[in-house]
Amino acid sequence: MFLWISTSPPFEQHLEALFHIVKRIVMPDDFQVNPRDEDGQTPLHCACSWGHLHIVNLLLGHNGIDANVVNKKGDTPLHEAIQKRKYKVVCAMLNQDSVNLEIVNKEYRTPLLEAVSNGHLGIIQRLIARGANVNAVNNEGNTCLHLALKRENNFHSEVEHMTMLDQFCKDLKLGKKERYSGVVVASYLAHHGANFYCKNKIGRTPLDLKETENFKKTLNMLFRPTQCRWCQENMATVTLQPCGDLVLCENCSSEMTFKRCPMCREYTLSKSEFGSPVLKERDLLRVAKRLGRDWWQVAIFLGVDTTKLKIDDESIDAVKQGYLMLYEWFRNCDPETRTHATLHAALEEAECVAAMECLSLDAK
């Protein structure tokens, strides 16, 4: 038995009635709550896209719901709600502990990057409060600051009054009409940790997008560049992954290695400035063949929840088990950390020497 919500327009008007009917159904153990259509859309995708809060809450209340499932565009239900500017649905999704805020779609946008691109202040505010990474980048290396300053139209949908916008208007000597401008919102994002000095793939920082020198000087004063935590002289331009802390200059980064970030003490998997080869699916199979039954140890260091994997514990095919685990990580991790360096670090922590050697050969 499964629940399906058609995407055809005639069915939309009946969703509220459907909610009251389904709510009274006693759901059996084989109740399928995550079926997909030809576009990879699940009922949760559809309910989020249409903004039907009651249906969203019903689906989220089911034990078998996958709140992070992606469709063929790579969009999660949260992406859908943000794209359609369904604020109340976004809030409901963010109340779920299981919701992953760092999944990127095929446009290489996290939910926060999506919200900034759409200009919805209320959603941006909620995502930041929930802990979204303000220094995530898209496939062009652009951060939320690049996107905010590139935006031609003003931001909108301030659900709760944001006093910081008033303050930044004053600091930047702007009028009330410019309260929702890209530079004011970018200042708000920078206040929450976004980096004005992060270069994209063509070497441009968000500040380079502003032609007015007065703006640049004021922003430099408001958000001074972070010093390298090691030499205390040069500007820090290298972030450690996966924590995203900006800690090193390029010179120190080339000389130093860290097992843990000196700021947050989280294990360090890679540095953003180093071009570690990007993994491909065939690399995962080569590694899985060398892992054998030790794949579960690597899963711990990659942060893969093995309870969500469809793996038969009695299966004798350890290679298949290892591949499924690696593919789960490969599919859901931040593309910036989907590299040989990331996987190599996890293999090193798990002391899987044979798999490490295999990966090192693949990288050459």
Protein backbone atom coordinates (compact mmCIF):
# COMPACT_ATOMS: atom_id res chain seq x y z
CA MET A 1 0.00 0.00 0.00
CA PHE A 2 1.32 3.47 -0.79
CA LEU A 3 0.31 7.11 -0.78
CA TRP A 4 0.58 9.04 -4.02
CA ILE A 5 -0.41 12.61 -4.79
CA SER A 6 -0.82 13.34 -8.49
CA THR A 7 0.85 16.45 -9.88
CA SER A 8 -2.04 17.01 -12.31
CA PRO A 9 -3.78 20.36 -11.63
CA PRO A 10 -7.30 18.87 -11.08
CA PHE A 11 -6.04 16.97 -8.07
CA GLU A 12 -4.63 20.01 -6.30
CA GLN A 13 -8.03 21.26 -5.18
CA HIS A 14 -8.76 17.92 -3.53
CA LEU A 15 -5.63 17.78 -1.37
CA GLU A 16 -7.30 19.27 1.70
CA ALA A 17 -10.06 16.67 1.49
CA LEU A 18 -7.43 13.99 0.97
CA PHE A 19 -5.69 15.08 4.15
CA HIS A 20 -8.78 14.47 6.27
CA ILE A 21 -9.35 11.08 4.65
CA VAL A 22 -5.78 9.82 4.93
CA LYS A 23 -5.49 11.08 8.50
CA ARG A 24 -8.13 8.54 9.50
CA ILE A 25 -6.46 5.61 7.75
CA VAL A 26 -4.62 3.14 9.95
CA MET A 27 -1.31 2.85 8.11
CA PRO A 28 -0.07 -0.77 7.88
CA ASP A 29 3.59 -1.75 8.13
CA ASP A 30 3.96 -1.93 4.33
CA PHE A 31 2.62 1.60 3.81
CA GLN A 32 4.80 3.25 1.14
CA VAL A 33 5.15 6.95 1.81
CA ASN A 34 8.03 7.70 -0.61
CA PRO A 35 6.86 6.51 -4.07
CA ARG A 36 8.23 8.44 -7.04
CA ASP A 37 6.77 9.53 -10.36
CA GLU A 38 8.68 9.71 -13.65
CA ASP A 39 10.38 12.93 -12.50
CA GLY A 40 11.48 11.46 -9.19
CA GLN A 41 8.87 13.47 -7.32
CA THR A 42 7.52 12.04 -4.06
CA PRO A 43 4.28 13.05 -2.30
CA LEU A 44 6.38 15.23 0.02
CA HIS A 45 7.90 17.05 -2.97
CA CYS A 46 4.42 17.76 -4.33
CA ALA A 47 2.95 18.88 -1.01
CA CYS A 48 5.92 21.20 -0.39
CA SER A 49 5.74 22.65 -3.89
CA TRP A 50 2.03 23.41 -3.58
CA GLY A 51 2.33 24.72 -0.04
CA HIS A 52 -0.16 22.31 1.54
CA LEU A 53 1.01 22.51 5.13
CA HIS A 54 -1.42 19.92 6.53
CA ILE A 55 -0.28 17.28 4.04
CA VAL A 56 3.38 18.12 4.71
CA ASN A 57 2.87 17.67 8.46
CA LEU A 58 1.02 14.40 7.90
CA LEU A 59 3.82 13.01 5.75
CA LEU A 60 6.55 14.21 8.10
CA GLY A 61 4.79 12.44 10.95
CA HIS A 62 5.15 9.06 9.28
CA ASN A 63 8.07 6.93 10.49
CA GLY A 64 9.09 5.91 6.98
CA ILE A 65 9.30 9.39 5.49
CA ASP A 66 12.52 10.43 3.74
CA ALA A 67 12.69 14.19 4.20
CA ASN A 68 15.92 14.44 2.17
CA VAL A 69 14.90 12.45 -0.91
CA VAL A 70 15.96 14.10 -4.18
CA ASN A 71 14.12 14.19 -7.51
CA LYS A 72 15.72 14.06 -10.95
CA LYS A 73 16.69 17.73 -10.65
CA GLY A 74 18.49 16.98 -7.41
CA ASP A 75 15.91 18.97 -5.45
CA THR A 76 14.85 17.91 -1.97
CA PRO A 77 11.34 18.76 -0.72
CA LEU A 78 12.96 21.71 1.09
CA HIS A 79 14.39 22.99 -2.21
CA GLU A 80 10.89 22.77 -3.72
CA ALA A 81 9.31 24.74 -0.88
CA ILE A 82 11.98 27.45 -1.16
CA GLN A 83 11.69 27.72 -4.94
CA LYS A 84 7.92 28.24 -4.61
CA ARG A 85 8.39 30.60 -1.62
CA LYS A 86 6.21 28.54 0.71
CA TYR A 87 7.40 30.06 3.98
CA LYS A 88 5.19 28.07 6.38
CA VAL A 89 6.14 24.81 4.70
CA VAL A 90 9.83 25.72 4.94
CA CYS A 91 9.36 26.31 8.68
CA ALA A 92 7.70 22.90 9.04
CA MET A 93 10.57 21.21 7.19
CA LEU A 94 13.17 23.00 9.31
CA ASN A 95 11.49 21.69 12.47
CA GLN A 96 12.59 18.20 11.42
CA ASP A 97 15.95 17.23 12.93
CA SER A 98 16.61 14.90 10.01
CA VAL A 99 16.47 17.62 7.35
CA ASN A 100 19.86 18.13 5.70
CA LEU A 101 20.56 21.79 4.90
CA GLU A 102 23.65 21.16 2.78
CA ILE A 103 22.33 18.95 -0.03
CA VAL A 104 23.02 20.55 -3.42
CA ASN A 105 20.76 20.15 -6.43
CA LYS A 106 21.87 19.93 -10.07
CA GLU A 107 22.21 23.71 -10.09
CA TYR A 108 24.73 23.19 -7.26
CA ARG A 109 22.58 25.17 -4.85
CA THR A 110 22.06 24.40 -1.20
CA PRO A 111 18.70 25.50 0.27
CA LEU A 112 20.34 28.74 1.47
CA LEU A 113 21.81 29.52 -1.95
CA GLU A 114 18.37 28.81 -3.40
CA ALA A 115 16.73 31.21 -0.93
CA VAL A 116 19.24 33.99 -1.68
CA SER A 117 18.74 33.47 -5.42
CA ASN A 118 14.97 33.78 -4.88
CA GLY A 119 15.37 36.83 -2.64
CA HIS A 120 13.13 35.61 0.21
CA LEU A 121 14.33 37.27 3.43
CA GLY A 122 12.07 35.32 5.77
CA ILE A 123 13.34 31.98 4.49
CA ILE A 124 16.96 33.18 4.57
CA GLN A 125 16.53 34.20 8.20
CA ARG A 126 15.06 30.80 9.13
CA LEU A 127 17.79 28.83 7.37
CA ILE A 128 20.55 30.79 9.08
CA ALA A 129 18.87 30.34 12.47
CA ARG A 130 18.78 26.59 11.79
CA GLY A 131 22.55 26.55 11.10
CA ALA A 132 22.84 26.61 7.31
CA ASN A 133 26.40 27.00 6.00
CA VAL A 134 26.70 30.64 4.89
CA ASN A 135 29.93 29.91 3.00
CA ALA A 136 28.59 27.13 0.77
CA VAL A 137 29.47 27.59 -2.91
CA ASN A 138 27.78 26.70 -6.19
CA ASN A 139 29.45 25.16 -9.26
CA GLU A 140 30.95 28.56 -10.17
CA GLY A 141 32.43 28.99 -6.71
CA ASN A 142 29.96 31.74 -5.85
CA THR A 143 28.84 32.14 -2.23
CA CYS A 144 25.59 33.62 -0.97
CA LEU A 145 27.36 37.02 -0.96
CA HIS A 146 28.16 36.77 -4.67
CA LEU A 147 24.53 35.88 -5.36
CA ALA A 148 23.16 38.66 -3.15
CA LEU A 149 25.30 41.35 -4.78
CA LYS A 150 24.54 40.05 -8.29
CA ARG A 151 20.81 40.19 -7.69
CA GLU A 152 19.20 42.90 -9.83
CA ASN A 153 15.90 43.12 -7.93
CA ASN A 154 15.49 43.93 -4.26
CA PHE A 155 14.94 41.21 -1.68
CA HIS A 156 11.42 40.77 -0.30
CA SER A 157 9.16 38.89 2.16
CA GLU A 158 10.53 40.10 5.46
CA VAL A 159 8.30 38.02 7.76
CA GLU A 160 9.72 39.32 11.04
CA HIS A 161 11.27 42.79 11.30
CA MET A 162 15.06 42.47 10.91
CA THR A 163 16.62 45.34 12.86
CA MET A 164 20.06 44.55 11.42
CA LEU A 165 18.89 45.74 8.02
CA ASP A 166 18.12 49.14 9.54
CA GLN A 167 21.58 49.28 11.10
CA PHE A 168 23.39 48.34 7.90
CA CYS A 169 21.35 50.92 5.97
CA LYS A 170 22.65 53.50 8.42
CA ASP A 171 26.25 52.22 8.29
CA LEU A 172 26.24 52.23 4.48
CA LYS A 173 24.49 55.62 4.37
CA LEU A 174 21.60 54.30 2.33
CA GLY A 175 17.98 55.43 2.27
CA LYS A 176 14.94 53.42 3.32
CA LYS A 177 14.23 52.48 -0.30
CA GLU A 178 17.51 50.56 -0.38
CA ARG A 179 16.82 48.62 2.82
CA TYR A 180 16.17 45.46 0.80
CA SER A 181 19.07 45.96 -1.61
CA GLY A 182 21.68 43.29 -2.27
CA VAL A 183 24.45 45.15 -0.43
CA VAL A 184 22.36 45.48 2.75
CA VAL A 185 21.33 41.81 2.69
CA ALA A 186 24.94 40.82 1.93
CA SER A 187 26.00 42.75 5.04
CA TYR A 188 23.41 40.82 7.04
CA LEU A 189 24.81 37.53 5.69
CA ALA A 190 28.37 38.64 6.44
CA HIS A 191 27.33 39.45 10.00
CA HIS A 192 26.37 35.78 10.30
CA GLY A 193 29.75 34.58 9.05
CA ALA A 194 29.70 34.81 5.26
CA ASN A 195 33.12 35.77 3.87
CA PHE A 196 33.45 38.89 1.70
CA TYR A 197 36.97 37.82 0.70
CA CYS A 198 36.19 34.36 -0.70
CA LYS A 199 37.14 34.09 -4.39
CA ASN A 200 35.00 32.26 -6.92
CA LYS A 201 36.43 30.14 -9.74
CA ILE A 202 37.38 33.17 -11.83
CA GLY A 203 39.13 34.79 -8.89
CA ARG A 204 36.51 37.40 -7.99
CA THR A 205 35.43 38.15 -4.44
CA PRO A 206 31.95 39.50 -3.63
CA LEU A 207 33.54 42.93 -3.10
CA ASP A 208 34.83 42.85 -6.69
CA LEU A 209 31.20 42.93 -7.84
CA LYS A 210 30.72 46.41 -6.37
CA GLU A 211 32.04 49.18 -8.61
CA THR A 212 31.58 51.97 -6.06
CA GLU A 213 34.81 52.42 -4.10
CA ASN A 214 33.00 54.03 -1.16
CA PHE A 215 30.93 50.87 -0.69
CA LYS A 216 34.08 48.73 -0.80
CA LYS A 217 35.83 50.86 1.79
CA THR A 218 32.82 50.86 4.10
CA LEU A 219 32.35 47.10 3.81
CA ASN A 220 36.07 46.62 4.44
CA MET A 221 35.69 48.63 7.62
CA LEU A 222 32.58 46.75 8.74
CA PHE A 223 33.91 43.30 7.88
CA ARG A 224 37.67 43.30 8.16
CA PRO A 225 39.46 40.32 6.56
CA THR A 226 40.32 37.50 8.93
CA GLN A 227 44.01 37.04 9.74
CA CYS A 228 45.69 33.68 9.25
CA ARG A 229 45.44 31.75 12.53
CA TRP A 230 49.00 30.45 12.08
CA CYS A 231 51.26 33.32 10.95
CA GLN A 232 48.99 36.14 12.21
CA GLU A 233 50.20 38.30 9.30
CA ASN A 234 48.55 37.40 6.00
CA MET A 235 44.83 37.36 5.22
CA ALA A 236 43.15 33.98 5.71
CA THR A 237 41.83 32.71 2.37
CA VAL A 238 41.74 28.92 2.86
CA THR A 239 38.85 27.15 4.55
CA LEU A 240 39.04 23.73 6.14
CA GLN A 241 36.40 21.16 5.24
CA PRO A 242 33.88 20.01 6.27
CA CYS A 243 33.57 22.62 9.07
CA GLY A 244 34.09 25.56 6.68
CA ASP A 245 36.22 27.60 9.12
CA LEU A 246 38.43 30.23 7.47
CA VAL A 247 41.77 29.75 9.22
CA LEU A 248 44.84 29.85 6.94
CA CYS A 249 46.56 31.99 4.34
CA GLU A 250 47.72 30.32 1.12
CA ASN A 251 51.38 30.23 2.24
CA CYS A 252 50.68 28.49 5.54
CA SER A 253 48.16 26.18 3.90
CA SER A 254 50.83 24.81 1.56
CA GLU A 255 53.12 24.05 4.52
CA MET A 256 50.71 22.89 7.23
CA THR A 257 48.44 19.88 7.64
CA PHE A 258 45.79 19.50 10.32
CA LYS A 259 43.93 16.45 11.54
CA ARG A 260 41.57 18.76 13.43
CA CYS A 261 40.47 22.33 12.80
CA PRO A 262 42.32 24.61 15.29
CA MET A 263 39.10 26.61 15.81
CA CYS A 264 36.28 24.08 16.25
CA ARG A 265 38.37 20.87 16.74
CA GLU A 266 36.31 19.02 14.14
CA TYR A 267 38.17 16.43 12.05
CA THR A 268 39.59 18.00 8.88
CA LEU A 269 39.04 16.21 5.59
CA SER A 270 40.35 18.72 3.07
CA LYS A 271 41.29 22.32 2.32
CA SER A 272 39.23 24.27 -0.19
CA GLU A 273 42.24 25.69 -2.05
CA PHE A 274 43.69 22.32 -3.04
CA GLY A 275 42.44 20.76 -6.26
CA SER A 276 42.01 17.19 -5.16
CA PRO A 277 40.76 14.99 -8.03
CA VAL A 278 37.01 14.61 -8.16
CA LEU A 279 35.72 11.11 -7.50
CA LYS A 280 33.76 9.13 -10.04
CA GLU A 281 31.44 6.19 -9.45
CA ARG A 282 33.95 3.71 -10.86
CA ASP A 283 36.42 4.83 -8.16
CA LEU A 284 33.91 3.77 -5.52
CA LEU A 285 33.76 0.23 -6.88
CA ARG A 286 37.56 -0.08 -6.90
CA VAL A 287 37.69 1.03 -3.27
CA ALA A 288 34.80 -1.25 -2.26
CA LYS A 289 36.67 -4.27 -3.65
CA ARG A 290 39.59 -3.52 -1.31
CA LEU A 291 37.48 -2.71 1.74
CA GLY A 292 35.88 -6.10 2.22
CA ARG A 293 33.89 -6.29 5.45
CA ASP A 294 35.64 -3.22 6.91
CA TRP A 295 33.33 -0.88 5.00
CA TRP A 296 31.32 -0.05 8.14
CA GLN A 297 34.38 1.55 9.77
CA VAL A 298 34.81 3.91 6.83
CA ALA A 299 31.11 4.75 7.03
CA ILE A 300 31.66 6.13 10.54
CA PHE A 301 34.36 8.58 9.39
CA LEU A 302 32.36 9.61 6.31
CA GLY A 303 29.32 10.29 8.48
CA VAL A 304 27.07 7.79 6.68
CA ASP A 305 24.03 6.60 8.64
CA THR A 306 24.17 2.87 7.86
CA THR A 307 20.73 2.28 9.36
CA LYS A 308 19.24 4.01 6.32
CA LEU A 309 21.01 1.73 3.85
CA LYS A 310 19.02 -1.05 2.21
CA ILE A 311 21.56 -3.71 3.12
CA ASP A 312 20.83 -7.30 4.08
CA ASP A 313 23.00 -8.06 7.11
CA GLU A 314 23.11 -11.73 6.11
CA SER A 315 24.46 -10.98 2.66
CA ILE A 316 27.86 -12.51 1.87
CA ASP A 317 28.57 -9.89 -0.80
CA ALA A 318 30.71 -7.47 1.22
CA VAL A 319 31.79 -5.64 -1.95
CA LYS A 320 28.19 -4.74 -2.76
CA GLN A 321 27.62 -3.60 0.82
CA GLY A 322 30.70 -1.39 0.70
CA TYR A 323 29.72 0.07 -2.65
CA LEU A 324 26.20 0.93 -1.46
CA MET A 325 27.66 2.71 1.58
CA LEU A 326 30.14 4.68 -0.54
CA TYR A 327 27.47 5.58 -3.07
CA GLU A 328 25.19 6.85 -0.29
CA TRP A 329 27.99 9.20 0.81
CA PHE A 330 28.84 10.14 -2.80
CA ARG A 331 25.21 11.02 -3.58
CA ASN A 332 24.49 13.12 -0.48
CA CYS A 333 27.76 14.82 0.46
CA ASP A 334 28.77 18.39 -0.36
CA PRO A 335 30.24 18.33 -3.94
CA GLU A 336 33.19 20.38 -2.67
CA THR A 337 34.20 17.47 -0.42
CA ARG A 338 33.40 14.76 -2.99
CA THR A 339 37.10 14.24 -3.68
CA HIS A 340 39.90 11.70 -3.41
CA ALA A 341 41.26 13.68 -0.45
CA THR A 342 38.05 13.32 1.54
CA LEU A 343 37.73 9.59 0.97
CA HIS A 344 41.47 9.06 1.50
CA ALA A 345 41.26 10.77 4.92
CA ALA A 346 38.37 8.52 5.97
CA LEU A 347 40.23 5.40 4.81
CA GLU A 348 43.30 6.54 6.74
CA GLU A 349 41.26 7.04 9.94
CA ALA A 350 39.74 3.56 9.50
CA GLU A 351 43.23 2.11 8.81
CA CYS A 352 42.11 0.53 5.53
CA VAL A 353 45.57 0.49 3.93
CA ALA A 354 44.79 -1.59 0.83
CA ALA A 355 41.88 0.66 -0.13
CA MET A 356 44.05 3.75 0.50
CA GLU A 357 46.73 2.44 -1.86
CA CYS A 358 44.11 1.70 -4.50
CA LEU A 359 42.71 5.22 -4.24
CA SER A 360 46.19 6.76 -4.39
CA LEU A 361 46.89 4.91 -7.64
CA ASP A 362 43.58 6.09 -9.11
CA ALA A 363 44.45 9.70 -8.32
CA LYS A 364 47.70 9.62 -10.27
